[in-house]
Amino acid sequence: MLNLALIADMMEWNGGGWFWMALMMIVGAIVVVLLIFFLVRTLAQPGARGGQAGGETPLDIAKRRYAAGEISSEEFENIKRYLEKSG
């Protein structure tokens, strides 16, 4: 038979109940902080919103690198041909 006095005693905050309540509040706060951290980290990554970072296309990047002297005209033409084929 079900002992109602035992159930009533378990529902009260006697015998360490405050400890468990505080522990659950701390665990809940940690979960919320972790969720916010990962959400902000994900949204702050470049390109997370889709598209290229800064709105540049791969051809724009190649043009900028060629203008800065980072790549030769041959490399630029190879990149341009590759992009035209794959695009």
C-alpha atoms as a PDB file:
ATOM      1  CA  MET A   1       0.000   0.000   0.000  1.00  0.00           C
ATOM      2  CA  LEU A   2       1.180   3.515  -0.757  1.00  0.00           C
ATOM      3  CA  ASN A   3       2.448   5.403   2.270  1.00  0.00           C
ATOM      4  CA  LEU A   4       1.155   8.988   1.884  1.00  0.00           C
ATOM      5  CA  ALA A   5       3.232  10.230   4.807  1.00  0.00           C
ATOM      6  CA  LEU A   6       6.407   9.100   3.018  1.00  0.00           C
ATOM      7  CA  ILE A   7       5.395  10.840  -0.202  1.00  0.00           C
ATOM      8  CA  ALA A   8       4.516  14.037   1.669  1.00  0.00           C
ATOM      9  CA  ASP A   9       7.880  13.941   3.456  1.00  0.00           C
ATOM     10  CA  MET A  10       9.718  13.511   0.130  1.00  0.00           C
ATOM     11  CA  MET A  11       7.923  16.511  -1.374  1.00  0.00           C
ATOM     12  CA  GLU A  12       9.112  18.836   1.392  1.00  0.00           C
ATOM     13  CA  TRP A  13      12.512  20.535   1.295  1.00  0.00           C
ATOM     14  CA  ASN A  14      13.801  18.651   4.334  1.00  0.00           C
ATOM     15  CA  GLY A  15      17.016  16.692   4.428  1.00  0.00           C
ATOM     16  CA  GLY A  16      19.090  18.375   1.766  1.00  0.00           C
ATOM     17  CA  GLY A  17      16.321  19.511  -0.562  1.00  0.00           C
ATOM     18  CA  TRP A  18      17.736  23.033  -0.666  1.00  0.00           C
ATOM     19  CA  PHE A  19      21.066  21.611  -1.761  1.00  0.00           C
ATOM     20  CA  TRP A  20      19.475  19.778  -4.698  1.00  0.00           C
ATOM     21  CA  MET A  21      17.448  22.819  -5.678  1.00  0.00           C
ATOM     22  CA  ALA A  22      20.570  24.991  -5.686  1.00  0.00           C
ATOM     23  CA  LEU A  23      22.477  22.345  -7.630  1.00  0.00           C
ATOM     24  CA  MET A  24      19.747  22.195 -10.274  1.00  0.00           C
ATOM     25  CA  MET A  25      19.753  25.988 -10.575  1.00  0.00           C
ATOM     26  CA  ILE A  26      23.518  25.980 -11.093  1.00  0.00           C
ATOM     27  CA  VAL A  27      23.317  23.209 -13.705  1.00  0.00           C
ATOM     28  CA  GLY A  28      20.505  25.078 -15.476  1.00  0.00           C
ATOM     29  CA  ALA A  29      22.548  28.293 -15.501  1.00  0.00           C
ATOM     30  CA  ILE A  30      25.548  26.438 -16.952  1.00  0.00           C
ATOM     31  CA  VAL A  31      23.382  24.975 -19.717  1.00  0.00           C
ATOM     32  CA  VAL A  32      21.991  28.426 -20.593  1.00  0.00           C
ATOM     33  CA  VAL A  33      25.477  29.973 -20.654  1.00  0.00           C
ATOM     34  CA  LEU A  34      26.791  27.184 -22.902  1.00  0.00           C
ATOM     35  CA  LEU A  35      23.866  27.561 -25.307  1.00  0.00           C
ATOM     36  CA  ILE A  36      24.421  31.312 -25.561  1.00  0.00           C
ATOM     37  CA  PHE A  37      28.172  30.806 -26.024  1.00  0.00           C
ATOM     38  CA  PHE A  38      27.753  28.343 -28.899  1.00  0.00           C
ATOM     39  CA  LEU A  39      25.033  30.445 -30.520  1.00  0.00           C
ATOM     40  CA  VAL A  40      27.189  33.587 -30.476  1.00  0.00           C
ATOM     41  CA  ARG A  41      30.244  31.644 -31.636  1.00  0.00           C
ATOM     42  CA  THR A  42      28.342  30.143 -34.560  1.00  0.00           C
ATOM     43  CA  LEU A  43      26.861  33.460 -35.676  1.00  0.00           C
ATOM     44  CA  ALA A  44      30.179  35.300 -35.330  1.00  0.00           C
ATOM     45  CA  GLN A  45      32.057  32.999 -37.723  1.00  0.00           C
ATOM     46  CA  PRO A  46      32.811  34.529 -41.122  1.00  0.00           C
ATOM     47  CA  GLY A  47      30.563  33.136 -43.808  1.00  0.00           C
ATOM     48  CA  ALA A  48      28.089  31.759 -41.262  1.00  0.00           C
ATOM     49  CA  ARG A  49      25.274  33.695 -42.871  1.00  0.00           C
ATOM     50  CA  GLY A  50      25.948  32.217 -46.294  1.00  0.00           C
ATOM     51  CA  GLY A  51      27.848  33.577 -49.257  1.00  0.00           C
ATOM     52  CA  GLN A  52      31.412  34.761 -49.334  1.00  0.00           C
ATOM     53  CA  ALA A  53      32.909  36.833 -46.533  1.00  0.00           C
ATOM     54  CA  GLY A  54      32.691  40.505 -47.436  1.00  0.00           C
ATOM     55  CA  GLY A  55      30.488  39.748 -50.445  1.00  0.00           C
ATOM     56  CA  GLU A  56      33.472  38.977 -52.692  1.00  0.00           C
ATOM     57  CA  THR A  57      33.242  36.329 -55.375  1.00  0.00           C
ATOM     58  CA  PRO A  58      36.188  34.005 -55.978  1.00  0.00           C
ATOM     59  CA  LEU A  59      36.956  35.945 -59.176  1.00  0.00           C
ATOM     60  CA  ASP A  60      37.014  39.224 -57.229  1.00  0.00           C
ATOM     61  CA  ILE A  61      39.501  37.695 -54.816  1.00  0.00           C
ATOM     62  CA  ALA A  62      41.682  36.491 -57.701  1.00  0.00           C
ATOM     63  CA  LYS A  63      41.573  39.961 -59.274  1.00  0.00           C
ATOM     64  CA  ARG A  64      42.549  41.589 -55.986  1.00  0.00           C
ATOM     65  CA  ARG A  65      45.431  39.128 -55.491  1.00  0.00           C
ATOM     66  CA  TYR A  66      46.634  39.719 -59.083  1.00  0.00           C
ATOM     67  CA  ALA A  67      46.476  43.485 -58.606  1.00  0.00           C
ATOM     68  CA  ALA A  68      48.464  43.178 -55.365  1.00  0.00           C
ATOM     69  CA  GLY A  69      51.108  41.069 -57.100  1.00  0.00           C
ATOM     70  CA  GLU A  70      50.442  37.971 -55.030  1.00  0.00           C
ATOM     71  CA  ILE A  71      49.834  35.809 -58.111  1.00  0.00           C
ATOM     72  CA  SER A  72      51.219  35.942 -61.640  1.00  0.00           C
ATOM     73  CA  SER A  73      49.188  36.574 -64.782  1.00  0.00           C
ATOM     74  CA  GLU A  74      49.420  32.864 -65.635  1.00  0.00           C
ATOM     75  CA  GLU A  75      48.036  31.878 -62.241  1.00  0.00           C
ATOM     76  CA  PHE A  76      45.268  34.455 -62.602  1.00  0.00           C
ATOM     77  CA  GLU A  77      44.281  33.129 -66.023  1.00  0.00           C
ATOM     78  CA  ASN A  78      44.284  29.539 -64.715  1.00  0.00           C
ATOM     79  CA  ILE A  79      42.043  30.540 -61.822  1.00  0.00           C
ATOM     80  CA  LYS A  80      39.750  32.457 -64.156  1.00  0.00           C
ATOM     81  CA  ARG A  81      39.423  29.498 -66.555  1.00  0.00           C
ATOM     82  CA  TYR A  82      38.787  27.096 -63.685  1.00  0.00           C
ATOM     83  CA  LEU A  83      36.073  29.329 -62.233  1.00  0.00           C
ATOM     84  CA  GLU A  84      34.407  29.725 -65.609  1.00  0.00           C
ATOM     85  CA  LYS A  85      34.339  25.922 -66.061  1.00  0.00           C
ATOM     86  CA  SER A  86      33.048  25.127 -62.601  1.00  0.00           C
ATOM     87  CA  GLY A  87      30.592  28.041 -62.421  1.00  0.00           C
END
